[in-house]
PDB file of N, CA and C in Angstrom:
ATOM      1  N   UNK A   1       4.144   1.370 -28.540  1.00  0.00           N
ATOM      2  CA  UNK A   1       2.711   1.245 -28.399  1.00  0.00           C
ATOM      3  C   UNK A   1       2.302  -0.091 -28.973  1.00  0.00           C
ATOM      4  N   UNK A   2       1.321  -0.700 -28.350  1.00  0.00           N
ATOM      5  CA  UNK A   2       0.865  -1.982 -28.815  1.00  0.00           C
ATOM      6  C   UNK A   2      -0.642  -2.094 -28.707  1.00  0.00           C
ATOM      7  N   UNK A   3      -1.121  -3.243 -29.042  1.00  0.00           N
ATOM      8  CA  UNK A   3      -2.551  -3.518 -28.981  1.00  0.00           C
ATOM      9  C   UNK A   3      -2.801  -4.458 -27.818  1.00  0.00           C
ATOM     10  N   UNK A   4      -3.782  -4.116 -27.009  1.00  0.00           N
ATOM     11  CA  UNK A   4      -4.186  -4.960 -25.893  1.00  0.00           C
ATOM     12  C   UNK A   4      -5.604  -5.432 -26.171  1.00  0.00           C
ATOM     13  N   UNK A   5      -5.801  -6.733 -26.160  1.00  0.00           N
ATOM     14  CA  UNK A   5      -7.137  -7.267 -26.389  1.00  0.00           C
ATOM     15  C   UNK A   5      -7.854  -7.391 -25.054  1.00  0.00           C
ATOM     16  N   UNK A   6      -9.068  -6.856 -25.011  1.00  0.00           N
ATOM     17  CA  UNK A   6      -9.883  -6.930 -23.807  1.00  0.00           C
ATOM     18  C   UNK A   6     -11.261  -7.459 -24.178  1.00  0.00           C
ATOM     19  N   UNK A   7     -11.994  -7.887 -23.174  1.00  0.00           N
ATOM     20  CA  UNK A   7     -13.329  -8.425 -23.418  1.00  0.00           C
ATOM     21  C   UNK A   7     -14.285  -7.327 -23.865  1.00  0.00           C
ATOM     22  N   UNK A   8     -15.344  -7.715 -24.537  1.00  0.00           N
ATOM     23  CA  UNK A   8     -16.358  -6.750 -24.969  1.00  0.00           C
ATOM     24  C   UNK A   8     -17.013  -6.031 -23.791  1.00  0.00           C
ATOM     25  N   UNK A   9     -17.358  -6.750 -22.696  1.00  0.00           N
ATOM     26  CA  UNK A   9     -17.953  -6.023 -21.558  1.00  0.00           C
ATOM     27  C   UNK A   9     -17.010  -4.979 -20.951  1.00  0.00           C
ATOM     28  N   UNK A  10     -15.722  -5.292 -20.862  1.00  0.00           N
ATOM     29  CA  UNK A  10     -14.772  -4.319 -20.334  1.00  0.00           C
ATOM     30  C   UNK A  10     -14.634  -3.136 -21.282  1.00  0.00           C
ATOM     31  N   UNK A  11     -14.631  -3.400 -22.592  1.00  0.00           N
ATOM     32  CA  UNK A  11     -14.559  -2.315 -23.565  1.00  0.00           C
ATOM     33  C   UNK A  11     -15.771  -1.399 -23.440  1.00  0.00           C
ATOM     34  N   UNK A  12     -16.938  -1.971 -23.214  1.00  0.00           N
ATOM     35  CA  UNK A  12     -18.144  -1.156 -23.039  1.00  0.00           C
ATOM     36  C   UNK A  12     -18.025  -0.307 -21.770  1.00  0.00           C
ATOM     37  N   UNK A  13     -17.482  -0.876 -20.697  1.00  0.00           N
ATOM     38  CA  UNK A  13     -17.264  -0.104 -19.468  1.00  0.00           C
ATOM     39  C   UNK A  13     -16.286   1.037 -19.715  1.00  0.00           C
ATOM     40  N   UNK A  14     -15.246   0.779 -20.491  1.00  0.00           N
ATOM     41  CA  UNK A  14     -14.286   1.821 -20.852  1.00  0.00           C
ATOM     42  C   UNK A  14     -14.960   2.934 -21.647  1.00  0.00           C
ATOM     43  N   UNK A  15     -15.809   2.543 -22.586  1.00  0.00           N
ATOM     44  CA  UNK A  15     -16.494   3.531 -23.417  1.00  0.00           C
ATOM     45  C   UNK A  15     -17.363   4.431 -22.554  1.00  0.00           C
ATOM     46  N   UNK A  16     -18.141   3.842 -21.653  1.00  0.00           N
ATOM     47  CA  UNK A  16     -19.034   4.618 -20.786  1.00  0.00           C
ATOM     48  C   UNK A  16     -18.224   5.541 -19.873  1.00  0.00           C
ATOM     49  N   UNK A  17     -17.202   4.991 -19.227  1.00  0.00           N
ATOM     50  CA  UNK A  17     -16.383   5.793 -18.313  1.00  0.00           C
ATOM     51  C   UNK A  17     -15.656   6.908 -19.058  1.00  0.00           C
ATOM     52  N   UNK A  18     -15.154   6.608 -20.244  1.00  0.00           N
ATOM     53  CA  UNK A  18     -14.414   7.633 -20.992  1.00  0.00           C
ATOM     54  C   UNK A  18     -15.331   8.783 -21.391  1.00  0.00           C
ATOM     55  N   UNK A  19     -16.558   8.488 -21.770  1.00  0.00           N
ATOM     56  CA  UNK A  19     -17.492   9.553 -22.112  1.00  0.00           C
ATOM     57  C   UNK A  19     -17.861  10.368 -20.878  1.00  0.00           C
ATOM     58  N   UNK A  20     -18.111   9.687 -19.776  1.00  0.00           N
ATOM     59  CA  UNK A  20     -18.506  10.376 -18.544  1.00  0.00           C
ATOM     60  C   UNK A  20     -17.395  11.276 -18.018  1.00  0.00           C
ATOM     61  N   UNK A  21     -16.138  10.880 -18.216  1.00  0.00           N
ATOM     62  CA  UNK A  21     -15.002  11.615 -17.673  1.00  0.00           C
ATOM     63  C   UNK A  21     -14.263  12.440 -18.729  1.00  0.00           C
ATOM     64  N   UNK A  22     -14.864  12.559 -19.916  1.00  0.00           N
ATOM     65  CA  UNK A  22     -14.302  13.374 -21.012  1.00  0.00           C
ATOM     66  C   UNK A  22     -12.885  12.957 -21.377  1.00  0.00           C
ATOM     67  N   UNK A  23     -12.674  11.642 -21.441  1.00  0.00           N
ATOM     68  CA  UNK A  23     -11.383  11.102 -21.863  1.00  0.00           C
ATOM     69  C   UNK A  23     -11.608  10.234 -23.097  1.00  0.00           C
ATOM     70  N   UNK A  24     -10.551  10.020 -23.853  1.00  0.00           N
ATOM     71  CA  UNK A  24     -10.648   9.042 -24.930  1.00  0.00           C
ATOM     72  C   UNK A  24     -10.692   7.649 -24.293  1.00  0.00           C
ATOM     73  N   UNK A  25     -11.123   6.674 -25.052  1.00  0.00           N
ATOM     74  CA  UNK A  25     -11.152   5.300 -24.544  1.00  0.00           C
ATOM     75  C   UNK A  25      -9.739   4.867 -24.164  1.00  0.00           C
ATOM     76  N   UNK A  26      -8.755   5.202 -24.999  1.00  0.00           N
ATOM     77  CA  UNK A  26      -7.375   4.834 -24.689  1.00  0.00           C
ATOM     78  C   UNK A  26      -6.883   5.529 -23.424  1.00  0.00           C
ATOM     79  N   UNK A  27      -7.210   6.815 -23.256  1.00  0.00           N
ATOM     80  CA  UNK A  27      -6.781   7.541 -22.056  1.00  0.00           C
ATOM     81  C   UNK A  27      -7.424   6.945 -20.809  1.00  0.00           C
ATOM     82  N   UNK A  28      -8.691   6.531 -20.909  1.00  0.00           N
ATOM     83  CA  UNK A  28      -9.363   5.922 -19.761  1.00  0.00           C
ATOM     84  C   UNK A  28      -8.718   4.581 -19.423  1.00  0.00           C
ATOM     85  N   UNK A  29      -8.428   3.789 -20.432  1.00  0.00           N
ATOM     86  CA  UNK A  29      -7.777   2.495 -20.199  1.00  0.00           C
ATOM     87  C   UNK A  29      -6.409   2.698 -19.562  1.00  0.00           C
ATOM     88  N   UNK A  30      -5.651   3.669 -20.049  1.00  0.00           N
ATOM     89  CA  UNK A  30      -4.327   3.933 -19.481  1.00  0.00           C
ATOM     90  C   UNK A  30      -4.449   4.393 -18.031  1.00  0.00           C
ATOM     91  N   UNK A  31      -5.435   5.228 -17.738  1.00  0.00           N
ATOM     92  CA  UNK A  31      -5.647   5.679 -16.357  1.00  0.00           C
ATOM     93  C   UNK A  31      -5.926   4.486 -15.448  1.00  0.00           C
ATOM     94  N   UNK A  32      -6.831   3.624 -15.876  1.00  0.00           N
ATOM     95  CA  UNK A  32      -7.150   2.445 -15.065  1.00  0.00           C
ATOM     96  C   UNK A  32      -5.925   1.548 -14.886  1.00  0.00           C
ATOM     97  N   UNK A  33      -5.109   1.413 -15.926  1.00  0.00           N
ATOM     98  CA  UNK A  33      -3.901   0.590 -15.807  1.00  0.00           C
ATOM     99  C   UNK A  33      -2.903   1.209 -14.835  1.00  0.00           C
ATOM    100  N   UNK A  34      -2.746   2.525 -14.886  1.00  0.00           N
ATOM    101  CA  UNK A  34      -1.840   3.197 -13.949  1.00  0.00           C
ATOM    102  C   UNK A  34      -2.316   3.007 -12.514  1.00  0.00           C
ATOM    103  N   UNK A  35      -3.600   3.251 -12.286  1.00  0.00           N
ATOM    104  CA  UNK A  35      -4.158   3.104 -10.939  1.00  0.00           C
ATOM    105  C   UNK A  35      -4.000   1.655 -10.476  1.00  0.00           C
ATOM    106  N   UNK A  36      -4.291   0.711 -11.336  1.00  0.00           N
ATOM    107  CA  UNK A  36      -4.174  -0.703 -10.976  1.00  0.00           C
ATOM    108  C   UNK A  36      -2.746  -1.103 -10.662  1.00  0.00           C
ATOM    109  N   UNK A  37      -1.802  -0.649 -11.468  1.00  0.00           N
ATOM    110  CA  UNK A  37      -0.399  -0.981 -11.227  1.00  0.00           C
ATOM    111  C   UNK A  37       0.070  -0.377  -9.911  1.00  0.00           C
ATOM    112  N   UNK A  38      -0.279   0.889  -9.692  1.00  0.00           N
ATOM    113  CA  UNK A  38       0.124   1.538  -8.446  1.00  0.00           C
ATOM    114  C   UNK A  38      -0.554   0.891  -7.243  1.00  0.00           C
ATOM    115  N   UNK A  39      -1.801   0.446  -7.398  1.00  0.00           N
ATOM    116  CA  UNK A  39      -2.505  -0.221  -6.295  1.00  0.00           C
ATOM    117  C   UNK A  39      -1.811  -1.527  -5.928  1.00  0.00           C
ATOM    118  N   UNK A  40      -1.301  -2.236  -6.912  1.00  0.00           N
ATOM    119  CA  UNK A  40      -0.571  -3.471  -6.621  1.00  0.00           C
ATOM    120  C   UNK A  40       0.776  -3.176  -5.969  1.00  0.00           C
ATOM    121  N   UNK A  41       1.421  -2.093  -6.390  1.00  0.00           N
ATOM    122  CA  UNK A  41       2.728  -1.738  -5.837  1.00  0.00           C
ATOM    123  C   UNK A  41       2.628  -1.089  -4.457  1.00  0.00           C
ATOM    124  N   UNK A  42       1.510  -0.429  -4.202  1.00  0.00           N
ATOM    125  CA  UNK A  42       1.311   0.295  -2.942  1.00  0.00           C
ATOM    126  C   UNK A  42      -0.060  -0.066  -2.352  1.00  0.00           C
ATOM    127  N   UNK A  43      -0.239  -1.297  -1.902  1.00  0.00           N
ATOM    128  CA  UNK A  43      -1.562  -1.734  -1.418  1.00  0.00           C
ATOM    129  C   UNK A  43      -2.048  -0.973  -0.185  1.00  0.00           C
ATOM    130  N   UNK A  44      -1.148  -0.278   0.494  1.00  0.00           N
ATOM    131  CA  UNK A  44      -1.531   0.483   1.684  1.00  0.00           C
ATOM    132  C   UNK A  44      -2.234   1.791   1.325  1.00  0.00           C
ATOM    133  N   UNK A  45      -2.162   2.226   0.067  1.00  0.00           N
ATOM    134  CA  UNK A  45      -2.762   3.491  -0.352  1.00  0.00           C
ATOM    135  C   UNK A  45      -4.178   3.267  -0.883  1.00  0.00           C
ATOM    136  N   UNK A  46      -5.068   4.211  -0.582  1.00  0.00           N
ATOM    137  CA  UNK A  46      -6.420   4.121  -1.146  1.00  0.00           C
ATOM    138  C   UNK A  46      -6.455   4.856  -2.491  1.00  0.00           C
ATOM    139  N   UNK A  47      -7.594   4.825  -3.142  1.00  0.00           N
ATOM    140  CA  UNK A  47      -7.711   5.405  -4.478  1.00  0.00           C
ATOM    141  C   UNK A  47      -7.365   6.889  -4.479  1.00  0.00           C
ATOM    142  N   UNK A  48      -7.855   7.620  -3.514  1.00  0.00           N
ATOM    143  CA  UNK A  48      -7.573   9.051  -3.429  1.00  0.00           C
ATOM    144  C   UNK A  48      -6.067   9.305  -3.295  1.00  0.00           C
ATOM    145  N   UNK A  49      -5.403   8.515  -2.470  1.00  0.00           N
ATOM    146  CA  UNK A  49      -3.960   8.664  -2.285  1.00  0.00           C
ATOM    147  C   UNK A  49      -3.193   8.311  -3.565  1.00  0.00           C
ATOM    148  N   UNK A  50      -3.671   7.308  -4.295  1.00  0.00           N
ATOM    149  CA  UNK A  50      -3.030   6.946  -5.563  1.00  0.00           C
ATOM    150  C   UNK A  50      -3.172   8.084  -6.571  1.00  0.00           C
ATOM    151  N   UNK A  51      -4.344   8.707  -6.604  1.00  0.00           N
ATOM    152  CA  UNK A  51      -4.546   9.842  -7.511  1.00  0.00           C
ATOM    153  C   UNK A  51      -3.646  11.006  -7.122  1.00  0.00           C
ATOM    154  N   UNK A  52      -3.487  11.248  -5.833  1.00  0.00           N
ATOM    155  CA  UNK A  52      -2.586  12.307  -5.381  1.00  0.00           C
ATOM    156  C   UNK A  52      -1.144  11.988  -5.784  1.00  0.00           C
ATOM    157  N   UNK A  53      -0.770  10.720  -5.715  1.00  0.00           N
ATOM    158  CA  UNK A  53       0.560  10.290  -6.141  1.00  0.00           C
ATOM    159  C   UNK A  53       0.764  10.588  -7.624  1.00  0.00           C
ATOM    160  N   UNK A  54      -0.254  10.308  -8.439  1.00  0.00           N
ATOM    161  CA  UNK A  54      -0.163  10.600  -9.866  1.00  0.00           C
ATOM    162  C   UNK A  54      -0.045  12.098 -10.124  1.00  0.00           C
ATOM    163  N   UNK A  55      -0.788  12.897  -9.373  1.00  0.00           N
ATOM    164  CA  UNK A  55      -0.736  14.348  -9.554  1.00  0.00           C
ATOM    165  C   UNK A  55       0.641  14.884  -9.169  1.00  0.00           C
ATOM    166  N   UNK A  56       1.169  14.427  -8.045  1.00  0.00           N
ATOM    167  CA  UNK A  56       2.517  14.866  -7.633  1.00  0.00           C
ATOM    168  C   UNK A  56       3.556  14.468  -8.676  1.00  0.00           C
ATOM    169  N   UNK A  57       3.430  13.262  -9.195  1.00  0.00           N
ATOM    170  CA  UNK A  57       4.375  12.798 -10.215  1.00  0.00           C
ATOM    171  C   UNK A  57       4.311  13.703 -11.446  1.00  0.00           C
ATOM    172  N   UNK A  58       3.122  14.089 -11.842  1.00  0.00           N
ATOM    173  CA  UNK A  58       2.967  14.973 -13.000  1.00  0.00           C
ATOM    174  C   UNK A  58       3.586  16.333 -12.726  1.00  0.00           C
ATOM    175  N   UNK A  59       3.417  16.851 -11.530  1.00  0.00           N
ATOM    176  CA  UNK A  59       3.994  18.143 -11.160  1.00  0.00           C
ATOM    177  C   UNK A  59       5.518  18.093 -11.133  1.00  0.00           C
ATOM    178  N   UNK A  60       6.063  16.911 -10.915  1.00  0.00           N
ATOM    179  CA  UNK A  60       7.520  16.743 -10.853  1.00  0.00           C
ATOM    180  C   UNK A  60       8.115  16.351 -12.202  1.00  0.00           C
ATOM    181  N   UNK A  61       7.358  16.536 -13.268  1.00  0.00           N
ATOM    182  CA  UNK A  61       7.912  16.305 -14.600  1.00  0.00           C
ATOM    183  C   UNK A  61       7.321  15.135 -15.356  1.00  0.00           C
ATOM    184  N   UNK A  62       6.335  14.502 -14.810  1.00  0.00           N
ATOM    185  CA  UNK A  62       5.688  13.414 -15.531  1.00  0.00           C
ATOM    186  C   UNK A  62       5.787  12.092 -14.792  1.00  0.00           C
ATOM    187  N   UNK A  63       4.916  11.207 -15.159  1.00  0.00           N
ATOM    188  CA  UNK A  63       4.839   9.910 -14.505  1.00  0.00           C
ATOM    189  C   UNK A  63       6.027   9.046 -14.887  1.00  0.00           C
ATOM    190  N   UNK A  64       6.769   8.630 -13.907  1.00  0.00           N
ATOM    191  CA  UNK A  64       7.882   7.705 -14.089  1.00  0.00           C
ATOM    192  C   UNK A  64       7.549   6.483 -13.239  1.00  0.00           C
ATOM    193  N   UNK A  65       6.892   5.498 -13.862  1.00  0.00           N
ATOM    194  CA  UNK A  65       6.430   4.331 -13.101  1.00  0.00           C
ATOM    195  C   UNK A  65       7.574   3.598 -12.422  1.00  0.00           C
ATOM    196  N   UNK A  66       8.739   3.560 -13.049  1.00  0.00           N
ATOM    197  CA  UNK A  66       9.876   2.873 -12.427  1.00  0.00           C
ATOM    198  C   UNK A  66      10.260   3.560 -11.128  1.00  0.00           C
ATOM    199  N   UNK A  67      10.261   4.903 -11.128  1.00  0.00           N
ATOM    200  CA  UNK A  67      10.601   5.637  -9.911  1.00  0.00           C
ATOM    201  C   UNK A  67       9.504   5.485  -8.867  1.00  0.00           C
ATOM    202  N   UNK A  68       8.228   5.611  -9.287  1.00  0.00           N
ATOM    203  CA  UNK A  68       7.124   5.464  -8.342  1.00  0.00           C
ATOM    204  C   UNK A  68       7.087   4.067  -7.734  1.00  0.00           C
ATOM    205  N   UNK A  69       7.512   3.082  -8.505  1.00  0.00           N
ATOM    206  CA  UNK A  69       7.524   1.708  -8.020  1.00  0.00           C
ATOM    207  C   UNK A  69       8.718   1.434  -7.115  1.00  0.00           C
ATOM    208  N   UNK A  70       9.667   2.375  -7.070  1.00  0.00           N
ATOM    209  CA  UNK A  70      10.848   2.180  -6.245  1.00  0.00           C
ATOM    210  C   UNK A  70      11.928   1.379  -6.941  1.00  0.00           C
ATOM    211  N   UNK A  71      11.820   1.224  -8.264  1.00  0.00           N
ATOM    212  CA  UNK A  71      12.813   0.458  -9.016  1.00  0.00           C
ATOM    213  C   UNK A  71      14.061   1.273  -9.286  1.00  0.00           C
ATOM    214  N   UNK A  72      13.934   2.625  -9.250  1.00  0.00           N
ATOM    215  CA  UNK A  72      15.079   3.503  -9.464  1.00  0.00           C
ATOM    216  C   UNK A  72      15.054   4.594  -8.413  1.00  0.00           C
ATOM    217  N   UNK A  73      16.170   5.238  -8.237  1.00  0.00           N
ATOM    218  CA  UNK A  73      16.260   6.346  -7.291  1.00  0.00           C
ATOM    219  C   UNK A  73      15.823   7.629  -7.991  1.00  0.00           C
ATOM    220  N   UNK A  74      15.171   8.548  -7.270  1.00  0.00           N
ATOM    221  CA  UNK A  74      14.787   9.815  -7.901  1.00  0.00           C
ATOM    222  C   UNK A  74      16.021  10.609  -8.303  1.00  0.00           C
ATOM    223  N   UNK A  75      15.890  11.342  -9.390  1.00  0.00           N
ATOM    224  CA  UNK A  75      16.999  12.191  -9.851  1.00  0.00           C
ATOM    225  C   UNK A  75      17.159  13.343  -8.887  1.00  0.00           C
ATOM    226  N   UNK A  76      18.396  13.734  -8.636  1.00  0.00           N
ATOM    227  CA  UNK A  76      18.667  14.856  -7.749  1.00  0.00           C
ATOM    228  C   UNK A  76      18.318  16.140  -8.455  1.00  0.00           C
ATOM    229  N   UNK A  77      17.731  17.060  -7.717  1.00  0.00           N
ATOM    230  CA  UNK A  77      17.380  18.363  -8.279  1.00  0.00           C
ATOM    231  C   UNK A  77      18.661  19.126  -8.624  1.00  0.00           C
ATOM    232  N   UNK A  78      18.572  19.937  -9.662  1.00  0.00           N
ATOM    233  CA  UNK A  78      19.727  20.748 -10.056  1.00  0.00           C
ATOM    234  C   UNK A  78      20.097  21.676  -8.906  1.00  0.00           C
ATOM    235  N   UNK A  79      21.355  21.730  -8.600  1.00  0.00           N
ATOM    236  CA  UNK A  79      21.850  22.603  -7.553  1.00  0.00           C
ATOM    237  C   UNK A  79      21.689  22.028  -6.154  1.00  0.00           C
ATOM    238  N   UNK A  80      21.126  20.806  -6.048  1.00  0.00           N
ATOM    239  CA  UNK A  80      20.958  20.179  -4.735  1.00  0.00           C
ATOM    240  C   UNK A  80      22.287  19.645  -4.224  1.00  0.00           C
ATOM    241  N   UNK A  81      22.476  19.727  -2.942  1.00  0.00           N
ATOM    242  CA  UNK A  81      23.712  19.210  -2.342  1.00  0.00           C
ATOM    243  C   UNK A  81      23.535  17.754  -1.953  1.00  0.00           C
ATOM    244  N   UNK A  82      24.597  16.986  -2.066  1.00  0.00           N
ATOM    245  CA  UNK A  82      24.535  15.564  -1.757  1.00  0.00           C
ATOM    246  C   UNK A  82      24.557  15.305  -0.273  1.00  0.00           C
TER     247      UNK A  82
END
């Protein structure tokens, strides 16, 4: 974990959004970073599709940005045939 310095106006936007969406400021910032990273990696997807991608990833055991980015191959399910 580290510290990321952001502008005061962006911090205020984070504060407002985090309160409106019942998230901590850090959780809101992390959400925006995930969406932004995925948007750069998958420019063909819209916001709704990116959110669905995040939900599917969570259902499959948690967000693995390296796998979602295509940097690694997905792990084979237990008992799956090659």
